[in-house]
Amino acid sequence: MKQLLIYERPIQLNRVAHRNHRVVATPGDFAFATALNSVPLACVEFAPVAREYPILFAGNSADAVVPAALLGLRAGQNLMVDEQGSWAEGAYVPAFLRRYPFVLAEHDEKGSDFTVCLDEAYAGIREGGEEGAPLFDDEGKDSPLLSNALQFLQEYQVHLARTRAFSAALASHGLLVPRQVNVQTALGEGFSLDGFFVVDEQKLRELKGKALQDLARSGDLGLIYAHLLSLGNVELLSRALDSRPAAAATH
């Protein structure tokens, strides 16, 4: 799964070029995520996500997966975002979406070298005027908005490192198997989503000794159980899909 899913034109944040830019954001507007049926997750999010969404592992192979929250059962449809761009009331919003329009662009696979970017295509970025919150103050220093965004990005980056270690542990123990999500709507229409992996419960039960101890000590075992429990939430998404007007369904 590509980590820049919603970023159409990410550009490096520049203290000179963006000195007079402001962010005019509408709180709770997630229209930019309307077409995402899944988004990457950090391990720290597993507990709140497992109560509402299925947690799957997206990727082309078991040794190159990213934990993801499944938000829709059709390609190009996010069941958590309505026609007005509002997120489902009270539902958890993944951090991947909350950091938008900012992002840390990584320059290496370890994520140790990165650049702060923003999405130039975001409609809420404006140059000049008085509307919205500035990126920099009158002295060219980070504004409160930017300072908070950078802190969030840095914390997110730390959690991503932990998440990569978790995914690598699952692969090293051979616990991941491909899984197809099969859905049948209330009207009898059936379709499938693929490109996902899940933890094989039988293989997990067969783990013994040091391998099992390592998963328990690292906290990975708890994350695995959260993932397995979350799979029942496919039914919640199916109900949400059935409640959508027929015209809102896209293939």
Protein backbone atom coordinates (compact mmCIF):
# COMPACT_ATOMS: atom_id res chain seq x y z
CA MET A 1 0.00 0.00 0.00
CA LYS A 2 1.41 3.39 -1.01
CA GLN A 3 2.01 5.68 1.93
CA LEU A 4 1.15 8.84 -0.07
CA LEU A 5 -2.33 7.72 -1.11
CA ILE A 6 -4.09 11.07 -0.63
CA TYR A 7 -1.19 13.36 -1.49
CA GLU A 8 -1.54 14.43 -5.12
CA ARG A 9 1.31 16.97 -5.28
CA PRO A 10 3.48 16.73 -2.15
CA ILE A 11 6.10 19.47 -2.11
CA GLN A 12 8.80 20.28 0.39
CA LEU A 13 7.75 22.86 2.98
CA ASN A 14 9.98 25.90 2.49
CA ARG A 15 10.35 28.67 5.06
CA VAL A 16 10.88 31.26 2.31
CA ALA A 17 8.54 30.08 -0.44
CA HIS A 18 5.69 29.41 2.01
CA ARG A 19 6.30 32.40 4.28
CA ASN A 20 2.88 33.93 3.48
CA HIS A 21 0.88 30.75 3.06
CA ARG A 22 -2.06 29.94 5.29
CA VAL A 23 -4.19 26.88 5.94
CA VAL A 24 -7.90 27.42 5.53
CA ALA A 25 -9.34 24.19 6.85
CA THR A 26 -12.90 23.15 7.58
CA PRO A 27 -12.90 21.04 10.78
CA GLY A 28 -14.25 17.58 10.13
CA ASP A 29 -13.98 17.81 6.35
CA PHE A 30 -12.66 14.49 5.04
CA ALA A 31 -13.82 14.81 1.45
CA PHE A 32 -10.20 14.15 0.41
CA ALA A 33 -10.57 10.59 1.76
CA THR A 34 -13.83 9.74 -0.01
CA ALA A 35 -12.22 7.29 -2.45
CA LEU A 36 -10.06 5.41 0.07
CA ASN A 37 -11.39 2.02 1.09
CA SER A 38 -8.36 1.39 3.33
CA VAL A 39 -5.60 3.41 4.98
CA PRO A 40 -2.28 2.49 6.65
CA LEU A 41 -2.22 2.09 10.42
CA ALA A 42 0.37 2.40 13.15
CA CYS A 43 0.41 -0.28 15.84
CA VAL A 44 -0.53 2.25 18.51
CA GLU A 45 -3.91 2.57 16.77
CA PHE A 46 -4.84 -1.10 16.88
CA ALA A 47 -6.89 -0.86 20.10
CA PRO A 48 -9.32 1.89 18.99
CA VAL A 49 -9.43 0.65 15.38
CA ALA A 50 -10.20 -2.95 16.37
CA ARG A 51 -13.47 -1.81 17.92
CA GLU A 52 -14.76 -0.38 14.62
CA TYR A 53 -12.86 -1.53 11.52
CA PRO A 54 -11.24 -4.71 10.23
CA ILE A 55 -7.44 -4.59 10.54
CA LEU A 56 -5.78 -6.30 7.59
CA PHE A 57 -2.27 -6.34 6.15
CA ALA A 58 -1.99 -4.81 2.68
CA GLY A 59 0.79 -5.71 0.28
CA ASN A 60 1.93 -7.79 -2.65
CA SER A 61 3.77 -10.34 -0.52
CA ALA A 62 3.84 -11.45 3.12
CA ASP A 63 7.27 -9.91 3.70
CA ALA A 64 6.23 -6.47 2.47
CA VAL A 65 2.95 -5.63 4.19
CA VAL A 66 1.47 -2.57 5.88
CA PRO A 67 -1.23 -2.83 8.57
CA ALA A 68 -4.38 -1.17 7.28
CA ALA A 69 -7.85 -0.24 8.45
CA LEU A 70 -10.51 -1.39 6.00
CA LEU A 71 -12.96 1.50 5.56
CA GLY A 72 -15.02 0.25 2.63
CA LEU A 73 -15.90 -2.91 0.77
CA ARG A 74 -15.73 -1.53 -2.74
CA ALA A 75 -12.68 -0.13 -4.49
CA GLY A 76 -12.92 3.66 -4.44
CA GLN A 77 -15.53 3.91 -1.68
CA ASN A 78 -14.97 4.97 1.92
CA LEU A 79 -18.07 4.07 3.91
CA MET A 80 -17.01 6.36 6.77
CA VAL A 81 -17.31 9.56 4.71
CA ASP A 82 -20.74 10.85 3.68
CA GLU A 83 -21.69 13.01 0.69
CA GLN A 84 -20.89 16.18 2.65
CA GLY A 85 -17.37 14.96 3.44
CA SER A 86 -18.12 14.33 7.11
CA TRP A 87 -16.70 11.33 8.94
CA ALA A 88 -19.17 8.97 10.62
CA GLU A 89 -20.12 10.55 13.92
CA GLY A 90 -18.13 9.21 16.86
CA ALA A 91 -16.04 6.87 14.70
CA TYR A 92 -12.25 6.76 15.01
CA VAL A 93 -10.29 8.65 12.34
CA PRO A 94 -6.91 7.00 11.54
CA ALA A 95 -3.83 9.15 12.16
CA PHE A 96 -2.82 8.76 8.51
CA LEU A 97 -5.76 11.01 7.62
CA ARG A 98 -5.49 13.36 10.60
CA ARG A 99 -2.01 14.49 9.60
CA TYR A 100 -3.18 15.72 6.18
CA PRO A 101 -2.18 18.00 4.38
CA PHE A 102 1.24 17.53 6.01
CA VAL A 103 3.47 14.48 5.63
CA LEU A 104 7.04 13.37 6.21
CA ALA A 105 8.50 12.14 2.93
CA GLU A 106 11.02 9.40 3.67
CA HIS A 107 14.30 9.17 1.76
CA ASP A 108 15.31 5.70 2.95
CA GLU A 109 13.57 2.45 3.84
CA LYS A 110 14.42 2.81 7.53
CA GLY A 111 12.58 6.11 7.77
CA SER A 112 15.56 7.85 9.40
CA ASP A 113 15.92 10.56 6.76
CA PHE A 114 12.86 12.56 5.79
CA THR A 115 11.55 15.93 4.64
CA VAL A 116 8.47 17.82 5.81
CA CYS A 117 6.05 18.23 2.91
CA LEU A 118 2.53 19.44 2.31
CA ASP A 119 0.06 18.64 -0.43
CA GLU A 120 0.09 21.53 -2.88
CA ALA A 121 -3.20 20.22 -4.31
CA TYR A 122 -5.00 20.71 -0.99
CA ALA A 123 -7.75 23.30 -1.52
CA GLY A 124 -7.19 24.71 1.97
CA ILE A 125 -3.67 26.01 1.21
CA ARG A 126 -3.78 29.72 0.29
CA GLU A 127 -1.14 32.36 -0.27
CA GLY A 128 -1.74 35.72 1.39
CA GLY A 129 -4.95 37.11 2.82
CA GLU A 130 -6.22 36.96 6.37
CA GLU A 131 -8.34 33.84 6.22
CA GLY A 132 -7.15 30.71 7.98
CA ALA A 133 -4.06 30.05 10.12
CA PRO A 134 -0.53 30.99 8.98
CA LEU A 135 2.25 28.44 8.56
CA PHE A 136 4.82 30.94 9.85
CA ASP A 137 4.61 33.97 12.11
CA ASP A 138 5.75 37.51 11.31
CA GLU A 139 9.35 36.61 12.22
CA GLY A 140 9.38 33.58 9.93
CA LYS A 141 9.20 31.10 12.81
CA ASP A 142 6.87 28.12 12.96
CA SER A 143 3.31 29.12 13.80
CA PRO A 144 1.36 27.22 16.49
CA LEU A 145 -0.44 25.38 13.68
CA LEU A 146 2.80 24.22 12.09
CA SER A 147 4.44 23.40 15.44
CA ASN A 148 1.53 21.14 16.38
CA ALA A 149 1.58 19.52 12.94
CA LEU A 150 5.33 18.83 13.15
CA GLN A 151 4.99 17.31 16.61
CA PHE A 152 2.23 15.04 15.35
CA LEU A 153 4.33 14.00 12.35
CA GLN A 154 7.35 13.23 14.51
CA GLU A 155 5.30 11.10 16.91
CA TYR A 156 3.71 9.32 13.98
CA GLN A 157 7.14 8.57 12.54
CA VAL A 158 8.21 6.92 15.79
CA HIS A 159 5.11 4.74 15.72
CA LEU A 160 5.79 3.79 12.10
CA ALA A 161 9.17 2.38 13.10
CA ARG A 162 7.47 0.19 15.71
CA THR A 163 4.89 -0.86 13.13
CA ARG A 164 7.56 -1.92 10.64
CA ALA A 165 9.17 -4.08 13.31
CA PHE A 166 5.82 -5.73 14.03
CA SER A 167 5.17 -6.48 10.36
CA ALA A 168 8.70 -7.90 10.00
CA ALA A 169 8.13 -10.18 13.01
CA LEU A 170 4.94 -11.58 11.49
CA ALA A 171 6.75 -12.30 8.24
CA SER A 172 9.75 -13.88 9.96
CA HIS A 173 7.49 -16.32 11.80
CA GLY A 174 5.55 -17.14 8.62
CA LEU A 175 2.25 -16.12 10.20
CA LEU A 176 0.71 -14.19 7.31
CA VAL A 177 -1.48 -15.78 4.66
CA PRO A 178 -3.39 -14.13 1.78
CA ARG A 179 -7.06 -13.51 2.41
CA GLN A 180 -9.90 -12.44 0.15
CA VAL A 181 -12.74 -10.43 1.68
CA ASN A 182 -16.01 -11.77 0.27
CA VAL A 183 -19.13 -9.62 0.55
CA GLN A 184 -22.77 -10.12 -0.30
CA THR A 185 -25.08 -7.10 -0.10
CA ALA A 186 -28.65 -7.12 1.15
CA LEU A 187 -29.74 -7.06 -2.49
CA GLY A 188 -27.85 -10.27 -3.18
CA GLU A 189 -24.89 -8.75 -5.02
CA GLY A 190 -21.63 -10.53 -4.31
CA PHE A 191 -18.08 -9.26 -4.80
CA SER A 192 -14.60 -9.66 -3.37
CA LEU A 193 -11.61 -7.60 -2.27
CA ASP A 194 -8.11 -9.03 -2.44
CA GLY A 195 -4.54 -7.85 -1.94
CA PHE A 196 -4.71 -8.42 1.82
CA PHE A 197 -3.08 -10.77 4.32
CA VAL A 198 -4.20 -11.97 7.75
CA VAL A 199 -2.57 -13.90 10.56
CA ASP A 200 -3.17 -17.64 10.22
CA GLU A 201 -4.58 -18.77 13.58
CA GLN A 202 -3.42 -22.35 13.09
CA LYS A 203 0.17 -21.25 12.49
CA LEU A 204 -0.07 -18.99 15.54
CA ARG A 205 -1.20 -21.91 17.72
CA GLU A 206 1.74 -23.97 16.48
CA LEU A 207 4.31 -21.41 17.62
CA LYS A 208 6.29 -22.57 20.65
CA GLY A 209 9.24 -21.71 22.83
CA LYS A 210 11.32 -18.64 22.08
CA ALA A 211 9.25 -17.55 19.09
CA LEU A 212 6.10 -17.30 21.19
CA GLN A 213 7.97 -15.70 24.08
CA ASP A 214 9.42 -13.03 21.80
CA LEU A 215 5.97 -12.11 20.50
CA ALA A 216 4.63 -11.88 24.03
CA ARG A 217 7.53 -9.81 25.40
CA SER A 218 7.46 -7.34 22.53
CA GLY A 219 3.71 -6.80 22.78
CA ASP A 220 3.22 -8.23 19.31
CA LEU A 221 0.99 -11.00 20.61
CA GLY A 222 -1.56 -8.48 21.87
CA LEU A 223 -1.51 -6.72 18.52
CA ILE A 224 -2.11 -10.02 16.76
CA TYR A 225 -5.17 -10.76 18.89
CA ALA A 226 -6.52 -7.24 18.28
CA HIS A 227 -6.14 -7.89 14.55
CA LEU A 228 -7.91 -11.26 14.73
CA LEU A 229 -10.79 -9.87 16.79
CA SER A 230 -11.20 -6.96 14.40
CA LEU A 231 -11.95 -9.23 11.44
CA GLY A 232 -15.53 -9.54 12.66
CA ASN A 233 -16.00 -5.87 11.80
CA VAL A 234 -16.39 -6.77 8.13
CA GLU A 235 -20.01 -7.34 9.08
CA LEU A 236 -20.26 -3.74 10.35
CA LEU A 237 -18.97 -2.45 7.03
CA SER A 238 -21.40 -4.70 5.19
CA ARG A 239 -24.29 -3.14 7.11
CA ALA A 240 -22.97 0.33 6.36
CA LEU A 241 -22.81 -0.55 2.67
CA ASP A 242 -26.39 -1.85 2.72
CA SER A 243 -27.57 1.41 4.28
CA ARG A 244 -26.04 3.50 1.48
CA PRO A 245 -28.37 4.67 -1.29
CA ALA A 246 -27.90 2.65 -4.46
CA ALA A 247 -26.70 5.74 -6.30
CA ALA A 248 -23.83 6.14 -3.85
CA ALA A 249 -22.37 2.74 -4.65
CA THR A 250 -19.52 2.77 -7.14
CA HIS A 251 -17.64 -0.06 -8.76
